[in-house]
Amino acid sequence: MPIIVRIDVELAKRKMSVGEFAERVGLTPANVAVLKNGRAKAVRFSTLEAMCRVLDCQPGDLLEWVDEVDEHGAPVPTDPGADGHR
């Protein structure tokens, strides 16, 4: 049940570099890389708020929950209706 981080998608939409994003949010580029690569164990709400402010987006634009991922980290489609709730 991983959380997929979509910072790279939002940066690309805005043609913003990691360096500029890191500076405007108040993070190091290394910490942005940890977030982008899904290696972060936690994100402070204040950091999430700053990221959303800089990117003019909602938290759901940056974070996505998926049931499973494949060996490359890509979301695995689930069978809609398999659990009777989709």
PDB file of N, CA and C in Angstrom:
ATOM      1  N   MET A   1       0.834  -1.193   0.000  1.00  0.00           N
ATOM      2  CA  MET A   1       0.000   0.000   0.000  1.00  0.00           C
ATOM      3  C   MET A   1       0.872   1.248   0.000  1.00  0.00           C
ATOM      4  N   PRO A   2       1.588   1.464  -1.085  1.00  0.00           N
ATOM      5  CA  PRO A   2       2.504   2.601  -1.133  1.00  0.00           C
ATOM      6  C   PRO A   2       1.826   3.918  -1.500  1.00  0.00           C
ATOM      7  N   ILE A   3       2.515   4.966  -1.134  1.00  0.00           N
ATOM      8  CA  ILE A   3       2.151   6.318  -1.538  1.00  0.00           C
ATOM      9  C   ILE A   3       3.105   6.704  -2.670  1.00  0.00           C
ATOM     10  N   ILE A   4       2.558   7.111  -3.796  1.00  0.00           N
ATOM     11  CA  ILE A   4       3.356   7.543  -4.939  1.00  0.00           C
ATOM     12  C   ILE A   4       3.481   9.065  -4.875  1.00  0.00           C
ATOM     13  N   VAL A   5       4.700   9.564  -5.009  1.00  0.00           N
ATOM     14  CA  VAL A   5       4.959  11.000  -4.960  1.00  0.00           C
ATOM     15  C   VAL A   5       5.050  11.519  -6.393  1.00  0.00           C
ATOM     16  N   ARG A   6       4.272  12.536  -6.696  1.00  0.00           N
ATOM     17  CA  ARG A   6       4.165  13.073  -8.053  1.00  0.00           C
ATOM     18  C   ARG A   6       4.780  14.472  -8.188  1.00  0.00           C
ATOM     19  N   ILE A   7       5.781  14.774  -7.378  1.00  0.00           N
ATOM     20  CA  ILE A   7       6.416  16.100  -7.464  1.00  0.00           C
ATOM     21  C   ILE A   7       6.976  16.338  -8.856  1.00  0.00           C
ATOM     22  N   ASP A   8       7.599  15.313  -9.445  1.00  0.00           N
ATOM     23  CA  ASP A   8       8.218  15.478 -10.766  1.00  0.00           C
ATOM     24  C   ASP A   8       7.196  15.880 -11.827  1.00  0.00           C
ATOM     25  N   VAL A   9       5.981  15.347 -11.733  1.00  0.00           N
ATOM     26  CA  VAL A   9       4.929  15.699 -12.694  1.00  0.00           C
ATOM     27  C   VAL A   9       4.567  17.175 -12.558  1.00  0.00           C
ATOM     28  N   GLU A  10       4.389  17.631 -11.321  1.00  0.00           N
ATOM     29  CA  GLU A  10       4.019  19.026 -11.094  1.00  0.00           C
ATOM     30  C   GLU A  10       5.151  19.980 -11.480  1.00  0.00           C
ATOM     31  N   LEU A  11       6.391  19.579 -11.222  1.00  0.00           N
ATOM     32  CA  LEU A  11       7.531  20.407 -11.643  1.00  0.00           C
ATOM     33  C   LEU A  11       7.578  20.513 -13.162  1.00  0.00           C
ATOM     34  N   ALA A  12       7.366  19.403 -13.852  1.00  0.00           N
ATOM     35  CA  ALA A  12       7.407  19.406 -15.317  1.00  0.00           C
ATOM     36  C   ALA A  12       6.301  20.286 -15.896  1.00  0.00           C
ATOM     37  N   LYS A  13       5.106  20.229 -15.309  1.00  0.00           N
ATOM     38  CA  LYS A  13       3.998  21.066 -15.784  1.00  0.00           C
ATOM     39  C   LYS A  13       4.356  22.542 -15.722  1.00  0.00           C
ATOM     40  N   ARG A  14       5.158  22.900 -14.725  1.00  0.00           N
ATOM     41  CA  ARG A  14       5.495  24.300 -14.511  1.00  0.00           C
ATOM     42  C   ARG A  14       6.878  24.664 -15.053  1.00  0.00           C
ATOM     43  N   LYS A  15       7.549  23.672 -15.648  1.00  0.00           N
ATOM     44  CA  LYS A  15       8.911  23.866 -16.157  1.00  0.00           C
ATOM     45  C   LYS A  15       9.817  24.453 -15.079  1.00  0.00           C
ATOM     46  N   MET A  16       9.688  23.916 -13.856  1.00  0.00           N
ATOM     47  CA  MET A  16      10.461  24.382 -12.711  1.00  0.00           C
ATOM     48  C   MET A  16      11.546  23.362 -12.397  1.00  0.00           C
ATOM     49  N   SER A  17      12.741  23.846 -12.140  1.00  0.00           N
ATOM     50  CA  SER A  17      13.841  22.942 -11.804  1.00  0.00           C
ATOM     51  C   SER A  17      13.745  22.500 -10.346  1.00  0.00           C
ATOM     52  N   VAL A  18      14.393  21.390 -10.061  1.00  0.00           N
ATOM     53  CA  VAL A  18      14.450  20.901  -8.682  1.00  0.00           C
ATOM     54  C   VAL A  18      15.132  21.940  -7.797  1.00  0.00           C
ATOM     55  N   GLY A  19      16.183  22.559  -8.307  1.00  0.00           N
ATOM     56  CA  GLY A  19      16.908  23.568  -7.529  1.00  0.00           C
ATOM     57  C   GLY A  19      16.044  24.754  -7.160  1.00  0.00           C
ATOM     58  N   GLU A  20      15.304  25.270  -8.135  1.00  0.00           N
ATOM     59  CA  GLU A  20      14.408  26.402  -7.861  1.00  0.00           C
ATOM     60  C   GLU A  20      13.318  25.997  -6.873  1.00  0.00           C
ATOM     61  N   PHE A  21      12.728  24.812  -7.091  1.00  0.00           N
ATOM     62  CA  PHE A  21      11.689  24.313  -6.200  1.00  0.00           C
ATOM     63  C   PHE A  21      12.225  24.175  -4.784  1.00  0.00           C
ATOM     64  N   ALA A  22      13.393  23.553  -4.637  1.00  0.00           N
ATOM     65  CA  ALA A  22      13.990  23.352  -3.318  1.00  0.00           C
ATOM     66  C   ALA A  22      14.206  24.685  -2.613  1.00  0.00           C
ATOM     67  N   GLU A  23      14.744  25.645  -3.342  1.00  0.00           N
ATOM     68  CA  GLU A  23      15.010  26.961  -2.742  1.00  0.00           C
ATOM     69  C   GLU A  23      13.720  27.643  -2.302  1.00  0.00           C
ATOM     70  N   ARG A  24      12.706  27.607  -3.147  1.00  0.00           N
ATOM     71  CA  ARG A  24      11.450  28.282  -2.827  1.00  0.00           C
ATOM     72  C   ARG A  24      10.691  27.604  -1.692  1.00  0.00           C
ATOM     73  N   VAL A  25      10.835  26.276  -1.573  1.00  0.00           N
ATOM     74  CA  VAL A  25      10.153  25.542  -0.504  1.00  0.00           C
ATOM     75  C   VAL A  25      10.939  25.608   0.800  1.00  0.00           C
ATOM     76  N   GLY A  26      12.276  25.744   0.687  1.00  0.00           N
ATOM     77  CA  GLY A  26      13.117  25.766   1.880  1.00  0.00           C
ATOM     78  C   GLY A  26      13.695  24.397   2.202  1.00  0.00           C
ATOM     79  N   LEU A  27      13.902  23.581   1.175  1.00  0.00           N
ATOM     80  CA  LEU A  27      14.513  22.260   1.329  1.00  0.00           C
ATOM     81  C   LEU A  27      15.840  22.227   0.582  1.00  0.00           C
ATOM     82  N   THR A  28      16.654  21.247   0.904  1.00  0.00           N
ATOM     83  CA  THR A  28      17.854  21.033   0.105  1.00  0.00           C
ATOM     84  C   THR A  28      17.455  20.225  -1.129  1.00  0.00           C
ATOM     85  N   PRO A  29      18.199  20.368  -2.232  1.00  0.00           N
ATOM     86  CA  PRO A  29      17.912  19.527  -3.403  1.00  0.00           C
ATOM     87  C   PRO A  29      17.988  18.034  -3.067  1.00  0.00           C
ATOM     88  N   ALA A  30      18.864  17.661  -2.147  1.00  0.00           N
ATOM     89  CA  ALA A  30      18.965  16.251  -1.745  1.00  0.00           C
ATOM     90  C   ALA A  30      17.675  15.783  -1.075  1.00  0.00           C
ATOM     91  N   ASN A  31      17.070  16.623  -0.247  1.00  0.00           N
ATOM     92  CA  ASN A  31      15.815  16.239   0.403  1.00  0.00           C
ATOM     93  C   ASN A  31      14.655  16.195  -0.593  1.00  0.00           C
ATOM     94  N   VAL A  32      14.683  17.058  -1.605  1.00  0.00           N
ATOM     95  CA  VAL A  32      13.666  16.976  -2.658  1.00  0.00           C
ATOM     96  C   VAL A  32      13.822  15.646  -3.397  1.00  0.00           C
ATOM     97  N   ALA A  33      15.062  15.238  -3.648  1.00  0.00           N
ATOM     98  CA  ALA A  33      15.308  13.957  -4.316  1.00  0.00           C
ATOM     99  C   ALA A  33      14.774  12.796  -3.484  1.00  0.00           C
ATOM    100  N   VAL A  34      14.947  12.851  -2.175  1.00  0.00           N
ATOM    101  CA  VAL A  34      14.420  11.803  -1.296  1.00  0.00           C
ATOM    102  C   VAL A  34      12.896  11.737  -1.418  1.00  0.00           C
ATOM    103  N   LEU A  35      12.251  12.879  -1.460  1.00  0.00           N
ATOM    104  CA  LEU A  35      10.794  12.916  -1.622  1.00  0.00           C
ATOM    105  C   LEU A  35      10.389  12.384  -2.998  1.00  0.00           C
ATOM    106  N   LYS A  36      11.036  12.881  -4.046  1.00  0.00           N
ATOM    107  CA  LYS A  36      10.689  12.480  -5.410  1.00  0.00           C
ATOM    108  C   LYS A  36      10.852  10.991  -5.637  1.00  0.00           C
ATOM    109  N   ASN A  37      11.872  10.408  -5.042  1.00  0.00           N
ATOM    110  CA  ASN A  37      12.169   9.001  -5.263  1.00  0.00           C
ATOM    111  C   ASN A  37      11.396   8.071  -4.327  1.00  0.00           C
ATOM    112  N   GLY A  38      10.527   8.648  -3.503  1.00  0.00           N
ATOM    113  CA  GLY A  38       9.694   7.828  -2.640  1.00  0.00           C
ATOM    114  C   GLY A  38      10.423   7.206  -1.464  1.00  0.00           C
ATOM    115  N   ARG A  39      11.578   7.757  -1.099  1.00  0.00           N
ATOM    116  CA  ARG A  39      12.341   7.196   0.018  1.00  0.00           C
ATOM    117  C   ARG A  39      12.048   7.884   1.345  1.00  0.00           C
ATOM    118  N   ALA A  40      11.230   8.933   1.324  1.00  0.00           N
ATOM    119  CA  ALA A  40      10.896   9.643   2.559  1.00  0.00           C
ATOM    120  C   ALA A  40       9.958   8.794   3.404  1.00  0.00           C
ATOM    121  N   LYS A  41      10.182   8.799   4.698  1.00  0.00           N
ATOM    122  CA  LYS A  41       9.318   8.062   5.627  1.00  0.00           C
ATOM    123  C   LYS A  41       8.169   8.922   6.124  1.00  0.00           C
ATOM    124  N   ALA A  42       8.326  10.235   6.038  1.00  0.00           N
ATOM    125  CA  ALA A  42       7.300  11.158   6.525  1.00  0.00           C
ATOM    126  C   ALA A  42       7.491  12.507   5.844  1.00  0.00           C
ATOM    127  N   VAL A  43       6.423  13.298   5.841  1.00  0.00           N
ATOM    128  CA  VAL A  43       6.466  14.668   5.329  1.00  0.00           C
ATOM    129  C   VAL A  43       5.719  15.533   6.328  1.00  0.00           C
ATOM    130  N   ARG A  44       6.354  16.583   6.788  1.00  0.00           N
ATOM    131  CA  ARG A  44       5.672  17.511   7.697  1.00  0.00           C
ATOM    132  C   ARG A  44       4.580  18.249   6.948  1.00  0.00           C
ATOM    133  N   PHE A  45       3.488  18.516   7.647  1.00  0.00           N
ATOM    134  CA  PHE A  45       2.420  19.285   7.021  1.00  0.00           C
ATOM    135  C   PHE A  45       2.915  20.660   6.591  1.00  0.00           C
ATOM    136  N   SER A  46       3.817  21.246   7.348  1.00  0.00           N
ATOM    137  CA  SER A  46       4.346  22.563   6.961  1.00  0.00           C
ATOM    138  C   SER A  46       5.126  22.469   5.644  1.00  0.00           C
ATOM    139  N   THR A  47       5.825  21.359   5.430  1.00  0.00           N
ATOM    140  CA  THR A  47       6.550  21.158   4.172  1.00  0.00           C
ATOM    141  C   THR A  47       5.572  20.920   3.040  1.00  0.00           C
ATOM    142  N   LEU A  48       4.558  20.102   3.273  1.00  0.00           N
ATOM    143  CA  LEU A  48       3.538  19.848   2.267  1.00  0.00           C
ATOM    144  C   LEU A  48       2.820  21.142   1.898  1.00  0.00           C
ATOM    145  N   GLU A  49       2.523  21.951   2.899  1.00  0.00           N
ATOM    146  CA  GLU A  49       1.879  23.242   2.648  1.00  0.00           C
ATOM    147  C   GLU A  49       2.765  24.131   1.787  1.00  0.00           C
ATOM    148  N   ALA A  50       4.066  24.188   2.091  1.00  0.00           N
ATOM    149  CA  ALA A  50       4.990  25.008   1.317  1.00  0.00           C
ATOM    150  C   ALA A  50       5.094  24.504  -0.126  1.00  0.00           C
ATOM    151  N   MET A  51       5.123  23.185  -0.306  1.00  0.00           N
ATOM    152  CA  MET A  51       5.193  22.623  -1.654  1.00  0.00           C
ATOM    153  C   MET A  51       3.943  22.988  -2.447  1.00  0.00           C
ATOM    154  N   CYS A  52       2.782  22.875  -1.805  1.00  0.00           N
ATOM    155  CA  CYS A  52       1.529  23.225  -2.481  1.00  0.00           C
ATOM    156  C   CYS A  52       1.470  24.713  -2.806  1.00  0.00           C
ATOM    157  N   ARG A  53       1.967  25.527  -1.917  1.00  0.00           N
ATOM    158  CA  ARG A  53       1.966  26.973  -2.150  1.00  0.00           C
ATOM    159  C   ARG A  53       2.851  27.306  -3.353  1.00  0.00           C
ATOM    160  N   VAL A  54       4.059  26.753  -3.385  1.00  0.00           N
ATOM    161  CA  VAL A  54       5.006  27.029  -4.466  1.00  0.00           C
ATOM    162  C   VAL A  54       4.462  26.526  -5.810  1.00  0.00           C
ATOM    163  N   LEU A  55       3.838  25.348  -5.800  1.00  0.00           N
ATOM    164  CA  LEU A  55       3.349  24.750  -7.042  1.00  0.00           C
ATOM    165  C   LEU A  55       1.901  25.114  -7.362  1.00  0.00           C
ATOM    166  N   ASP A  56       1.245  25.854  -6.450  1.00  0.00           N
ATOM    167  CA  ASP A  56      -0.156  26.236  -6.616  1.00  0.00           C
ATOM    168  C   ASP A  56      -1.007  24.998  -6.939  1.00  0.00           C
ATOM    169  N   CYS A  57      -0.928  24.022  -6.029  1.00  0.00           N
ATOM    170  CA  CYS A  57      -1.646  22.769  -6.237  1.00  0.00           C
ATOM    171  C   CYS A  57      -2.204  22.256  -4.915  1.00  0.00           C
ATOM    172  N   GLN A  58      -2.894  21.156  -4.958  1.00  0.00           N
ATOM    173  CA  GLN A  58      -3.456  20.509  -3.786  1.00  0.00           C
ATOM    174  C   GLN A  58      -2.574  19.328  -3.376  1.00  0.00           C
ATOM    175  N   PRO A  59      -2.617  18.907  -2.106  1.00  0.00           N
ATOM    176  CA  PRO A  59      -1.823  17.753  -1.677  1.00  0.00           C
ATOM    177  C   PRO A  59      -2.060  16.512  -2.543  1.00  0.00           C
ATOM    178  N   GLY A  60      -3.295  16.318  -2.996  1.00  0.00           N
ATOM    179  CA  GLY A  60      -3.607  15.171  -3.845  1.00  0.00           C
ATOM    180  C   GLY A  60      -2.940  15.214  -5.207  1.00  0.00           C
ATOM    181  N   ASP A  61      -2.477  16.389  -5.613  1.00  0.00           N
ATOM    182  CA  ASP A  61      -1.715  16.496  -6.861  1.00  0.00           C
ATOM    183  C   ASP A  61      -0.293  15.981  -6.680  1.00  0.00           C
ATOM    184  N   LEU A  62       0.181  15.992  -5.444  1.00  0.00           N
ATOM    185  CA  LEU A  62       1.555  15.581  -5.146  1.00  0.00           C
ATOM    186  C   LEU A  62       1.660  14.155  -4.634  1.00  0.00           C
ATOM    187  N   LEU A  63       0.601  13.673  -3.998  1.00  0.00           N
ATOM    188  CA  LEU A  63       0.629  12.359  -3.364  1.00  0.00           C
ATOM    189  C   LEU A  63      -0.543  11.518  -3.852  1.00  0.00           C
ATOM    190  N   GLU A  64      -0.271  10.243  -4.131  1.00  0.00           N
ATOM    191  CA  GLU A  64      -1.319   9.333  -4.573  1.00  0.00           C
ATOM    192  C   GLU A  64      -1.127   7.989  -3.876  1.00  0.00           C
ATOM    193  N   TRP A  65      -2.202   7.463  -3.306  1.00  0.00           N
ATOM    194  CA  TRP A  65      -2.146   6.134  -2.708  1.00  0.00           C
ATOM    195  C   TRP A  65      -2.506   5.113  -3.771  1.00  0.00           C
ATOM    196  N   VAL A  66      -1.704   4.051  -3.872  1.00  0.00           N
ATOM    197  CA  VAL A  66      -2.019   2.927  -4.755  1.00  0.00           C
ATOM    198  C   VAL A  66      -1.930   1.652  -3.951  1.00  0.00           C
ATOM    199  N   ASP A  67      -2.718   0.672  -4.340  1.00  0.00           N
ATOM    200  CA  ASP A  67      -2.763  -0.593  -3.613  1.00  0.00           C
ATOM    201  C   ASP A  67      -1.451  -1.364  -3.756  1.00  0.00           C
ATOM    202  N   GLU A  68      -0.913  -1.391  -4.969  1.00  0.00           N
ATOM    203  CA  GLU A  68       0.319  -2.130  -5.226  1.00  0.00           C
ATOM    204  C   GLU A  68       1.150  -1.411  -6.277  1.00  0.00           C
ATOM    205  N   VAL A  69       2.466  -1.691  -6.278  1.00  0.00           N
ATOM    206  CA  VAL A  69       3.360  -1.221  -7.329  1.00  0.00           C
ATOM    207  C   VAL A  69       4.153  -2.403  -7.863  1.00  0.00           C
ATOM    208  N   ASP A  70       4.611  -2.273  -9.115  1.00  0.00           N
ATOM    209  CA  ASP A  70       5.428  -3.336  -9.683  1.00  0.00           C
ATOM    210  C   ASP A  70       6.884  -3.146  -9.274  1.00  0.00           C
ATOM    211  N   GLU A  71       7.760  -3.985  -9.823  1.00  0.00           N
ATOM    212  CA  GLU A  71       9.175  -3.932  -9.427  1.00  0.00           C
ATOM    213  C   GLU A  71       9.865  -2.636  -9.834  1.00  0.00           C
ATOM    214  N   HIS A  72       9.243  -1.857 -10.730  1.00  0.00           N
ATOM    215  CA  HIS A  72       9.800  -0.574 -11.159  1.00  0.00           C
ATOM    216  C   HIS A  72       9.169   0.604 -10.428  1.00  0.00           C
ATOM    217  N   GLY A  73       8.247   0.330  -9.521  1.00  0.00           N
ATOM    218  CA  GLY A  73       7.586   1.380  -8.764  1.00  0.00           C
ATOM    219  C   GLY A  73       6.350   1.945  -9.438  1.00  0.00           C
ATOM    220  N   ALA A  74       5.936   1.343 -10.567  1.00  0.00           N
ATOM    221  CA  ALA A  74       4.749   1.821 -11.271  1.00  0.00           C
ATOM    222  C   ALA A  74       3.496   1.219 -10.633  1.00  0.00           C
ATOM    223  N   PRO A  75       2.405   1.999 -10.548  1.00  0.00           N
ATOM    224  CA  PRO A  75       1.166   1.466  -9.975  1.00  0.00           C
ATOM    225  C   PRO A  75       0.666   0.262 -10.770  1.00  0.00           C
ATOM    226  N   VAL A  76       0.179  -0.729 -10.065  1.00  0.00           N
ATOM    227  CA  VAL A  76      -0.397  -1.925 -10.680  1.00  0.00           C
ATOM    228  C   VAL A  76      -1.909  -1.736 -10.698  1.00  0.00           C
ATOM    229  N   PRO A  77      -2.521  -1.855 -11.899  1.00  0.00           N
ATOM    230  CA  PRO A  77      -3.983  -1.697 -11.939  1.00  0.00           C
ATOM    231  C   PRO A  77      -4.661  -2.784 -11.109  1.00  0.00           C
ATOM    232  N   THR A  78      -5.695  -2.392 -10.404  1.00  0.00           N
ATOM    233  CA  THR A  78      -6.453  -3.367  -9.623  1.00  0.00           C
ATOM    234  C   THR A  78      -7.696  -3.747 -10.415  1.00  0.00           C
ATOM    235  N   ASP A  79      -8.255  -4.879 -10.097  1.00  0.00           N
ATOM    236  CA  ASP A  79      -9.455  -5.357 -10.761  1.00  0.00           C
ATOM    237  C   ASP A  79     -10.665  -4.622 -10.178  1.00  0.00           C
ATOM    238  N   PRO A  80     -11.253  -3.688 -10.934  1.00  0.00           N
ATOM    239  CA  PRO A  80     -12.407  -2.987 -10.382  1.00  0.00           C
ATOM    240  C   PRO A  80     -13.540  -3.957 -10.113  1.00  0.00           C
ATOM    241  N   GLY A  81     -14.082  -3.856  -8.942  1.00  0.00           N
ATOM    242  CA  GLY A  81     -15.176  -4.719  -8.560  1.00  0.00           C
ATOM    243  C   GLY A  81     -14.736  -5.996  -7.865  1.00  0.00           C
ATOM    244  N   ALA A  82     -13.438  -6.257  -7.809  1.00  0.00           N
ATOM    245  CA  ALA A  82     -12.967  -7.481  -7.168  1.00  0.00           C
ATOM    246  C   ALA A  82     -13.326  -7.518  -5.684  1.00  0.00           C
ATOM    247  N   ASP A  83     -13.346  -6.349  -5.068  1.00  0.00           N
ATOM    248  CA  ASP A  83     -13.707  -6.291  -3.655  1.00  0.00           C
ATOM    249  C   ASP A  83     -15.150  -5.842  -3.456  1.00  0.00           C
ATOM    250  N   GLY A  84     -15.851  -5.621  -4.585  1.00  0.00           N
ATOM    251  CA  GLY A  84     -17.248  -5.219  -4.516  1.00  0.00           C
ATOM    252  C   GLY A  84     -17.465  -3.757  -4.188  1.00  0.00           C
ATOM    253  N   HIS A  85     -16.386  -2.963  -4.110  1.00  0.00           N
ATOM    254  CA  HIS A  85     -16.522  -1.554  -3.722  1.00  0.00           C
ATOM    255  C   HIS A  85     -16.117  -0.570  -4.809  1.00  0.00           C
ATOM    256  N   ARG A  86     -15.663  -1.024  -5.946  1.00  0.00           N
ATOM    257  CA  ARG A  86     -15.179  -0.067  -6.952  1.00  0.00           C
ATOM    258  C   ARG A  86     -16.102   0.049  -8.106  1.00  0.00           C
TER     259      ARG A  86
END
